PDB file of all heavy atoms in Angstrom:
ATOM      1  N   GLY A   1       0.829  -1.193   0.009  1.00  0.00           N
ATOM      2  CA  GLY A   1       0.023   0.004  -0.013  1.00  0.00           C
ATOM      3  C   GLY A   1       0.826   1.251   0.008  1.00  0.00           C
ATOM      4  O   GLY A   1       2.064   1.203   0.172  1.00  0.00           O
ATOM      5  N   SER A   2       0.205   2.377  -0.129  1.00  0.00           N
ATOM      6  CA  SER A   2       0.936   3.607  -0.302  1.00  0.00           C
ATOM      7  C   SER A   2       1.033   4.501   0.945  1.00  0.00           C
ATOM      8  O   SER A   2       1.840   5.422   0.980  1.00  0.00           O
ATOM      9  CB  SER A   2       0.290   4.450  -1.403  1.00  0.00           C
ATOM     10  OG  SER A   2      -1.063   4.748  -1.085  1.00  0.00           O
ATOM     11  N   GLN A   3       0.223   4.240   1.943  1.00  0.00           N
ATOM     12  CA  GLN A   3       0.111   5.209   3.004  1.00  0.00           C
ATOM     13  C   GLN A   3       0.115   4.661   4.413  1.00  0.00           C
ATOM     14  O   GLN A   3       0.776   5.189   5.273  1.00  0.00           O
ATOM     15  CB  GLN A   3      -1.172   6.054   2.783  1.00  0.00           C
ATOM     16  CG  GLN A   3      -1.382   7.170   3.798  1.00  0.00           C
ATOM     17  CD  GLN A   3      -2.638   7.990   3.463  1.00  0.00           C
ATOM     18  OE1 GLN A   3      -3.270   7.771   2.451  1.00  0.00           O
ATOM     19  NE2 GLN A   3      -2.973   8.940   4.319  1.00  0.00           N
ATOM     20  N   TYR A   4      -0.645   3.616   4.685  1.00  0.00           N
ATOM     21  CA  TYR A   4      -0.960   3.242   6.043  1.00  0.00           C
ATOM     22  C   TYR A   4      -0.006   2.187   6.629  1.00  0.00           C
ATOM     23  O   TYR A   4       0.703   1.499   5.905  1.00  0.00           O
ATOM     24  CB  TYR A   4      -2.394   2.742   6.120  1.00  0.00           C
ATOM     25  CG  TYR A   4      -3.415   3.753   5.686  1.00  0.00           C
ATOM     26  CD1 TYR A   4      -4.055   3.641   4.445  1.00  0.00           C
ATOM     27  CD2 TYR A   4      -3.693   4.865   6.471  1.00  0.00           C
ATOM     28  CE1 TYR A   4      -4.974   4.598   4.022  1.00  0.00           C
ATOM     29  CE2 TYR A   4      -4.631   5.811   6.067  1.00  0.00           C
ATOM     30  CZ  TYR A   4      -5.268   5.673   4.848  1.00  0.00           C
ATOM     31  OH  TYR A   4      -6.183   6.599   4.429  1.00  0.00           O
ATOM     32  N   LEU A   5      -0.093   2.023   7.975  1.00  0.00           N
ATOM     33  CA  LEU A   5       0.698   1.045   8.706  1.00  0.00           C
ATOM     34  C   LEU A   5      -0.237   0.190   9.565  1.00  0.00           C
ATOM     35  O   LEU A   5      -1.417   0.388   9.580  1.00  0.00           O
ATOM     36  CB  LEU A   5       1.746   1.790   9.550  1.00  0.00           C
ATOM     37  CG  LEU A   5       2.773   2.607   8.725  1.00  0.00           C
ATOM     38  CD1 LEU A   5       3.634   3.466   9.663  1.00  0.00           C
ATOM     39  CD2 LEU A   5       3.654   1.693   7.866  1.00  0.00           C
ATOM     40  N   MET A   6       0.386  -0.779  10.296  1.00  0.00           N
ATOM     41  CA  MET A   6      -0.417  -1.752  11.038  1.00  0.00           C
ATOM     42  C   MET A   6      -1.280  -1.102  12.108  1.00  0.00           C
ATOM     43  O   MET A   6      -2.375  -1.590  12.417  1.00  0.00           O
ATOM     44  CB  MET A   6       0.471  -2.813  11.604  1.00  0.00           C
ATOM     45  CG  MET A   6       1.014  -3.804  10.608  1.00  0.00           C
ATOM     46  SD  MET A   6      -0.255  -4.669   9.670  1.00  0.00           S
ATOM     47  CE  MET A   6      -1.048  -5.583  10.960  1.00  0.00           C
ATOM     48  N   GLU A   7      -0.813  -0.025  12.689  1.00  0.00           N
ATOM     49  CA  GLU A   7      -1.621   0.683  13.678  1.00  0.00           C
ATOM     50  C   GLU A   7      -2.941   1.156  13.049  1.00  0.00           C
ATOM     51  O   GLU A   7      -4.002   1.045  13.630  1.00  0.00           O
ATOM     52  CB  GLU A   7      -0.831   1.881  14.250  1.00  0.00           C
ATOM     53  CG  GLU A   7      -1.477   2.533  15.450  1.00  0.00           C
ATOM     54  CD  GLU A   7      -0.608   3.665  15.989  1.00  0.00           C
ATOM     55  OE1 GLU A   7       0.585   3.767  15.633  1.00  0.00           O
ATOM     56  OE2 GLU A   7      -1.145   4.442  16.806  1.00  0.00           O
ATOM     57  N   ASP A   8      -2.835   1.713  11.843  1.00  0.00           N
ATOM     58  CA  ASP A   8      -4.049   2.143  11.100  1.00  0.00           C
ATOM     59  C   ASP A   8      -4.929   0.918  10.758  1.00  0.00           C
ATOM     60  O   ASP A   8      -6.163   1.008  10.801  1.00  0.00           O
ATOM     61  CB  ASP A   8      -3.640   2.837   9.836  1.00  0.00           C
ATOM     62  CG  ASP A   8      -2.681   3.984  10.095  1.00  0.00           C
ATOM     63  OD1 ASP A   8      -3.073   4.940  10.755  1.00  0.00           O
ATOM     64  OD2 ASP A   8      -1.508   3.921   9.620  1.00  0.00           O
ATOM     65  N   PHE A   9      -4.284  -0.166  10.427  1.00  0.00           N
ATOM     66  CA  PHE A   9      -5.042  -1.410  10.085  1.00  0.00           C
ATOM     67  C   PHE A   9      -5.869  -1.871  11.291  1.00  0.00           C
ATOM     68  O   PHE A   9      -7.013  -2.284  11.153  1.00  0.00           O
ATOM     69  CB  PHE A   9      -4.026  -2.488   9.643  1.00  0.00           C
ATOM     70  CG  PHE A   9      -4.688  -3.755   9.235  1.00  0.00           C
ATOM     71  CD1 PHE A   9      -5.318  -3.866   8.008  1.00  0.00           C
ATOM     72  CD2 PHE A   9      -4.627  -4.893  10.048  1.00  0.00           C
ATOM     73  CE1 PHE A   9      -5.910  -5.082   7.603  1.00  0.00           C
ATOM     74  CE2 PHE A   9      -5.227  -6.104   9.651  1.00  0.00           C
ATOM     75  CZ  PHE A   9      -5.831  -6.186   8.430  1.00  0.00           C
ATOM     76  N   PHE A  10      -5.276  -1.785  12.484  1.00  0.00           N
ATOM     77  CA  PHE A  10      -6.001  -2.184  13.713  1.00  0.00           C
ATOM     78  C   PHE A  10      -7.183  -1.243  13.929  1.00  0.00           C
ATOM     79  O   PHE A  10      -8.295  -1.733  14.235  1.00  0.00           O
ATOM     80  CB  PHE A  10      -5.022  -2.111  14.917  1.00  0.00           C
ATOM     81  CG  PHE A  10      -5.666  -2.305  16.253  1.00  0.00           C
ATOM     82  CD1 PHE A  10      -6.231  -3.545  16.553  1.00  0.00           C
ATOM     83  CD2 PHE A  10      -5.705  -1.291  17.167  1.00  0.00           C
ATOM     84  CE1 PHE A  10      -6.850  -3.778  17.820  1.00  0.00           C
ATOM     85  CE2 PHE A  10      -6.318  -1.504  18.420  1.00  0.00           C
ATOM     86  CZ  PHE A  10      -6.864  -2.719  18.730  1.00  0.00           C
ATOM     87  N   TYR A  11      -6.992   0.055  13.787  1.00  0.00           N
ATOM     88  CA  TYR A  11      -8.082   0.972  13.993  1.00  0.00           C
ATOM     89  C   TYR A  11      -9.189   0.782  12.954  1.00  0.00           C
ATOM     90  O   TYR A  11     -10.330   1.097  13.199  1.00  0.00           O
ATOM     91  CB  TYR A  11      -7.574   2.443  13.913  1.00  0.00           C
ATOM     92  CG  TYR A  11      -6.558   2.819  14.956  1.00  0.00           C
ATOM     93  CD1 TYR A  11      -5.542   3.736  14.642  1.00  0.00           C
ATOM     94  CD2 TYR A  11      -6.581   2.252  16.218  1.00  0.00           C
ATOM     95  CE1 TYR A  11      -4.587   4.071  15.621  1.00  0.00           C
ATOM     96  CE2 TYR A  11      -5.632   2.602  17.162  1.00  0.00           C
ATOM     97  CZ  TYR A  11      -4.643   3.517  16.860  1.00  0.00           C
ATOM     98  OH  TYR A  11      -3.708   3.859  17.803  1.00  0.00           O
ATOM     99  N   ALA A  12      -8.792   0.273  11.774  1.00  0.00           N
ATOM    100  CA  ALA A  12      -9.759   0.096  10.711  1.00  0.00           C
ATOM    101  C   ALA A  12     -10.608  -1.170  10.850  1.00  0.00           C
ATOM    102  O   ALA A  12     -11.511  -1.409  10.053  1.00  0.00           O
ATOM    103  CB  ALA A  12      -9.073   0.090   9.361  1.00  0.00           C
ATOM    104  N   GLY A  13     -10.283  -1.973  11.859  1.00  0.00           N
ATOM    105  CA  GLY A  13     -11.036  -3.203  12.111  1.00  0.00           C
ATOM    106  C   GLY A  13     -10.181  -4.418  12.227  1.00  0.00           C
ATOM    107  O   GLY A  13     -10.690  -5.499  12.646  1.00  0.00           O
ATOM    108  N   GLY A  14      -8.920  -4.327  11.807  1.00  0.00           N
ATOM    109  CA  GLY A  14      -8.012  -5.437  11.996  1.00  0.00           C
ATOM    110  C   GLY A  14      -8.300  -6.628  11.112  1.00  0.00           C
ATOM    111  O   GLY A  14      -9.121  -6.585  10.164  1.00  0.00           O
ATOM    112  N   LEU A  15      -7.635  -7.751  11.411  1.00  0.00           N
ATOM    113  CA  LEU A  15      -7.730  -8.950  10.563  1.00  0.00           C
ATOM    114  C   LEU A  15      -9.165  -9.504  10.513  1.00  0.00           C
ATOM    115  O   LEU A  15      -9.565  -9.948   9.447  1.00  0.00           O
ATOM    116  CB  LEU A  15      -6.770 -10.029  11.018  1.00  0.00           C
ATOM    117  CG  LEU A  15      -6.544 -11.125  10.024  1.00  0.00           C
ATOM    118  CD1 LEU A  15      -5.910 -10.602   8.750  1.00  0.00           C
ATOM    119  CD2 LEU A  15      -5.722 -12.286  10.595  1.00  0.00           C
ATOM    120  N   PRO A  16      -9.942  -9.525  11.612  1.00  0.00           N
ATOM    121  CA  PRO A  16     -11.302 -10.044  11.485  1.00  0.00           C
ATOM    122  C   PRO A  16     -12.128  -9.266  10.417  1.00  0.00           C
ATOM    123  O   PRO A  16     -12.878  -9.867   9.691  1.00  0.00           O
ATOM    124  CB  PRO A  16     -11.898  -9.837  12.859  1.00  0.00           C
ATOM    125  CG  PRO A  16     -10.700  -9.930  13.769  1.00  0.00           C
ATOM    126  CD  PRO A  16      -9.611  -9.258  13.024  1.00  0.00           C
ATOM    127  N   ALA A  17     -11.919  -7.950  10.309  1.00  0.00           N
ATOM    128  CA  ALA A  17     -12.625  -7.164   9.357  1.00  0.00           C
ATOM    129  C   ALA A  17     -12.195  -7.526   7.952  1.00  0.00           C
ATOM    130  O   ALA A  17     -13.028  -7.675   7.012  1.00  0.00           O
ATOM    131  CB  ALA A  17     -12.422  -5.672   9.593  1.00  0.00           C
ATOM    132  N   LEU A  18     -10.896  -7.680   7.732  1.00  0.00           N
ATOM    133  CA  LEU A  18     -10.387  -8.062   6.420  1.00  0.00           C
ATOM    134  C   LEU A  18     -10.912  -9.469   6.017  1.00  0.00           C
ATOM    135  O   LEU A  18     -11.339  -9.698   4.896  1.00  0.00           O
ATOM    136  CB  LEU A  18      -8.858  -8.061   6.378  1.00  0.00           C
ATOM    137  CG  LEU A  18      -8.222  -8.501   5.066  1.00  0.00           C
ATOM    138  CD1 LEU A  18      -7.063  -7.614   4.688  1.00  0.00           C
ATOM    139  CD2 LEU A  18      -7.779  -9.985   5.142  1.00  0.00           C
ATOM    140  N   MET A  19     -10.918 -10.355   6.975  1.00  0.00           N
ATOM    141  CA  MET A  19     -11.376 -11.715   6.703  1.00  0.00           C
ATOM    142  C   MET A  19     -12.888 -11.749   6.339  1.00  0.00           C
ATOM    143  O   MET A  19     -13.328 -12.514   5.505  1.00  0.00           O
ATOM    144  CB  MET A  19     -11.085 -12.661   7.877  1.00  0.00           C
ATOM    145  CG  MET A  19      -9.619 -12.904   8.088  1.00  0.00           C
ATOM    146  SD  MET A  19      -9.216 -14.009   9.466  1.00  0.00           S
ATOM    147  CE  MET A  19      -9.696 -15.590   8.815  1.00  0.00           C
ATOM    148  N   ARG A  20     -13.650 -10.864   6.983  1.00  0.00           N
ATOM    149  CA  ARG A  20     -15.061 -10.802   6.617  1.00  0.00           C
ATOM    150  C   ARG A  20     -15.242 -10.275   5.169  1.00  0.00           C
ATOM    151  O   ARG A  20     -16.108 -10.778   4.459  1.00  0.00           O
ATOM    152  CB  ARG A  20     -15.832  -9.911   7.593  1.00  0.00           C
ATOM    153  CG  ARG A  20     -17.316  -9.994   7.409  1.00  0.00           C
ATOM    154  CD  ARG A  20     -18.117  -9.264   8.428  1.00  0.00           C
ATOM    155  NE  ARG A  20     -19.562  -9.461   8.213  1.00  0.00           N
ATOM    156  CZ  ARG A  20     -20.485  -8.782   8.828  1.00  0.00           C
ATOM    157  NH1 ARG A  20     -20.212  -7.884   9.730  1.00  0.00           N
ATOM    158  NH2 ARG A  20     -21.755  -9.042   8.555  1.00  0.00           N
ATOM    159  N   ILE A  21     -14.408  -9.355   4.770  1.00  0.00           N
ATOM    160  CA  ILE A  21     -14.488  -8.803   3.424  1.00  0.00           C
ATOM    161  C   ILE A  21     -14.195  -9.927   2.378  1.00  0.00           C
ATOM    162  O   ILE A  21     -14.815 -10.011   1.341  1.00  0.00           O
ATOM    163  CB  ILE A  21     -13.518  -7.644   3.216  1.00  0.00           C
ATOM    164  CG1 ILE A  21     -13.951  -6.449   4.081  1.00  0.00           C
ATOM    165  CG2 ILE A  21     -13.440  -7.219   1.757  1.00  0.00           C
ATOM    166  CD1 ILE A  21     -15.282  -5.853   3.710  1.00  0.00           C
ATOM    167  N   ILE A  22     -13.217 -10.773   2.708  1.00  0.00           N
ATOM    168  CA  ILE A  22     -12.841 -11.840   1.727  1.00  0.00           C
ATOM    169  C   ILE A  22     -13.491 -13.161   2.113  1.00  0.00           C
ATOM    170  O   ILE A  22     -13.032 -14.224   1.677  1.00  0.00           O
ATOM    171  CB  ILE A  22     -11.329 -11.982   1.659  1.00  0.00           C
ATOM    172  CG1 ILE A  22     -10.713 -12.506   2.978  1.00  0.00           C
ATOM    173  CG2 ILE A  22     -10.667 -10.696   1.230  1.00  0.00           C
ATOM    174  CD1 ILE A  22      -9.273 -12.981   2.843  1.00  0.00           C
ATOM    175  N   SER A  23     -14.558 -13.133   2.882  1.00  0.00           N
ATOM    176  CA  SER A  23     -15.172 -14.370   3.408  1.00  0.00           C
ATOM    177  C   SER A  23     -15.582 -15.365   2.312  1.00  0.00           C
ATOM    178  O   SER A  23     -15.584 -16.574   2.537  1.00  0.00           O
ATOM    179  CB  SER A  23     -16.344 -14.089   4.339  1.00  0.00           C
ATOM    180  OG  SER A  23     -17.352 -13.361   3.624  1.00  0.00           O
ATOM    181  N   LYS A  24     -15.923 -14.848   1.114  1.00  0.00           N
ATOM    182  CA  LYS A  24     -16.311 -15.774   0.084  1.00  0.00           C
ATOM    183  C   LYS A  24     -15.147 -16.636  -0.437  1.00  0.00           C
ATOM    184  O   LYS A  24     -15.346 -17.683  -1.097  1.00  0.00           O
ATOM    185  CB  LYS A  24     -16.927 -15.043  -1.089  1.00  0.00           C
ATOM    186  CG  LYS A  24     -15.967 -14.200  -1.955  1.00  0.00           C
ATOM    187  CD  LYS A  24     -16.708 -13.581  -3.110  1.00  0.00           C
ATOM    188  CE  LYS A  24     -15.791 -12.828  -4.038  1.00  0.00           C
ATOM    189  NZ  LYS A  24     -16.482 -12.259  -5.232  1.00  0.00           N
ATOM    190  N   PHE A  25     -13.921 -16.239  -0.048  1.00  0.00           N
ATOM    191  CA  PHE A  25     -12.726 -17.020  -0.428  1.00  0.00           C
ATOM    192  C   PHE A  25     -12.290 -17.941   0.685  1.00  0.00           C
ATOM    193  O   PHE A  25     -11.288 -18.649   0.558  1.00  0.00           O
ATOM    194  CB  PHE A  25     -11.579 -16.097  -0.769  1.00  0.00           C
ATOM    195  CG  PHE A  25     -11.872 -15.128  -1.909  1.00  0.00           C
ATOM    196  CD1 PHE A  25     -11.711 -13.778  -1.713  1.00  0.00           C
ATOM    197  CD2 PHE A  25     -12.351 -15.564  -3.134  1.00  0.00           C
ATOM    198  CE1 PHE A  25     -11.988 -12.872  -2.718  1.00  0.00           C
ATOM    199  CE2 PHE A  25     -12.620 -14.679  -4.142  1.00  0.00           C
ATOM    200  CZ  PHE A  25     -12.469 -13.294  -3.949  1.00  0.00           C
ATOM    201  N   LEU A  26     -13.012 -17.936   1.833  1.00  0.00           N
ATOM    202  CA  LEU A  26     -12.554 -18.688   3.012  1.00  0.00           C
ATOM    203  C   LEU A  26     -13.417 -19.863   3.291  1.00  0.00           C
ATOM    204  O   LEU A  26     -14.613 -19.900   2.923  1.00  0.00           O
ATOM    205  CB  LEU A  26     -12.562 -17.743   4.217  1.00  0.00           C
ATOM    206  CG  LEU A  26     -11.698 -16.505   4.133  1.00  0.00           C
ATOM    207  CD1 LEU A  26     -11.903 -15.660   5.433  1.00  0.00           C
ATOM    208  CD2 LEU A  26     -10.254 -16.789   3.921  1.00  0.00           C
ATOM    209  N   SER A  27     -12.834 -20.835   3.986  1.00  0.00           N
ATOM    210  CA  SER A  27     -13.602 -21.931   4.549  1.00  0.00           C
ATOM    211  C   SER A  27     -13.963 -21.546   5.962  1.00  0.00           C
ATOM    212  O   SER A  27     -13.127 -21.506   6.872  1.00  0.00           O
ATOM    213  CB  SER A  27     -12.732 -23.216   4.546  1.00  0.00           C
ATOM    214  OG  SER A  27     -13.371 -24.247   5.231  1.00  0.00           O
ATOM    215  N   LEU A  28     -15.232 -21.227   6.154  1.00  0.00           N
ATOM    216  CA  LEU A  28     -15.668 -20.594   7.410  1.00  0.00           C
ATOM    217  C   LEU A  28     -15.967 -21.573   8.512  1.00  0.00           C
ATOM    218  O   LEU A  28     -16.234 -21.174   9.644  1.00  0.00           O
ATOM    219  CB  LEU A  28     -16.930 -19.773   7.120  1.00  0.00           C
ATOM    220  CG  LEU A  28     -16.728 -18.634   6.092  1.00  0.00           C
ATOM    221  CD1 LEU A  28     -18.078 -17.884   5.886  1.00  0.00           C
ATOM    222  CD2 LEU A  28     -15.688 -17.638   6.606  1.00  0.00           C
ATOM    223  N   GLU A  29     -15.907 -22.876   8.243  1.00  0.00           N
ATOM    224  CA  GLU A  29     -16.249 -23.844   9.276  1.00  0.00           C
ATOM    225  C   GLU A  29     -15.007 -24.374  10.015  1.00  0.00           C
ATOM    226  O   GLU A  29     -15.127 -25.238  10.897  1.00  0.00           O
ATOM    227  CB  GLU A  29     -16.956 -25.079   8.621  1.00  0.00           C
ATOM    228  CG  GLU A  29     -18.285 -24.695   7.972  1.00  0.00           C
ATOM    229  CD  GLU A  29     -19.217 -23.991   8.923  1.00  0.00           C
ATOM    230  OE1 GLU A  29     -19.380 -24.480  10.055  1.00  0.00           O
ATOM    231  OE2 GLU A  29     -19.763 -22.936   8.569  1.00  0.00           O
TER     232      GLU A  29
END
């Protein structure tokens, strides 16, 4: 990316938020 760091990623919702966005690519069980 061009701008942000992991602190910003945490404030933006962190890994659970990213995983929900890509949930159609995941095995949720």
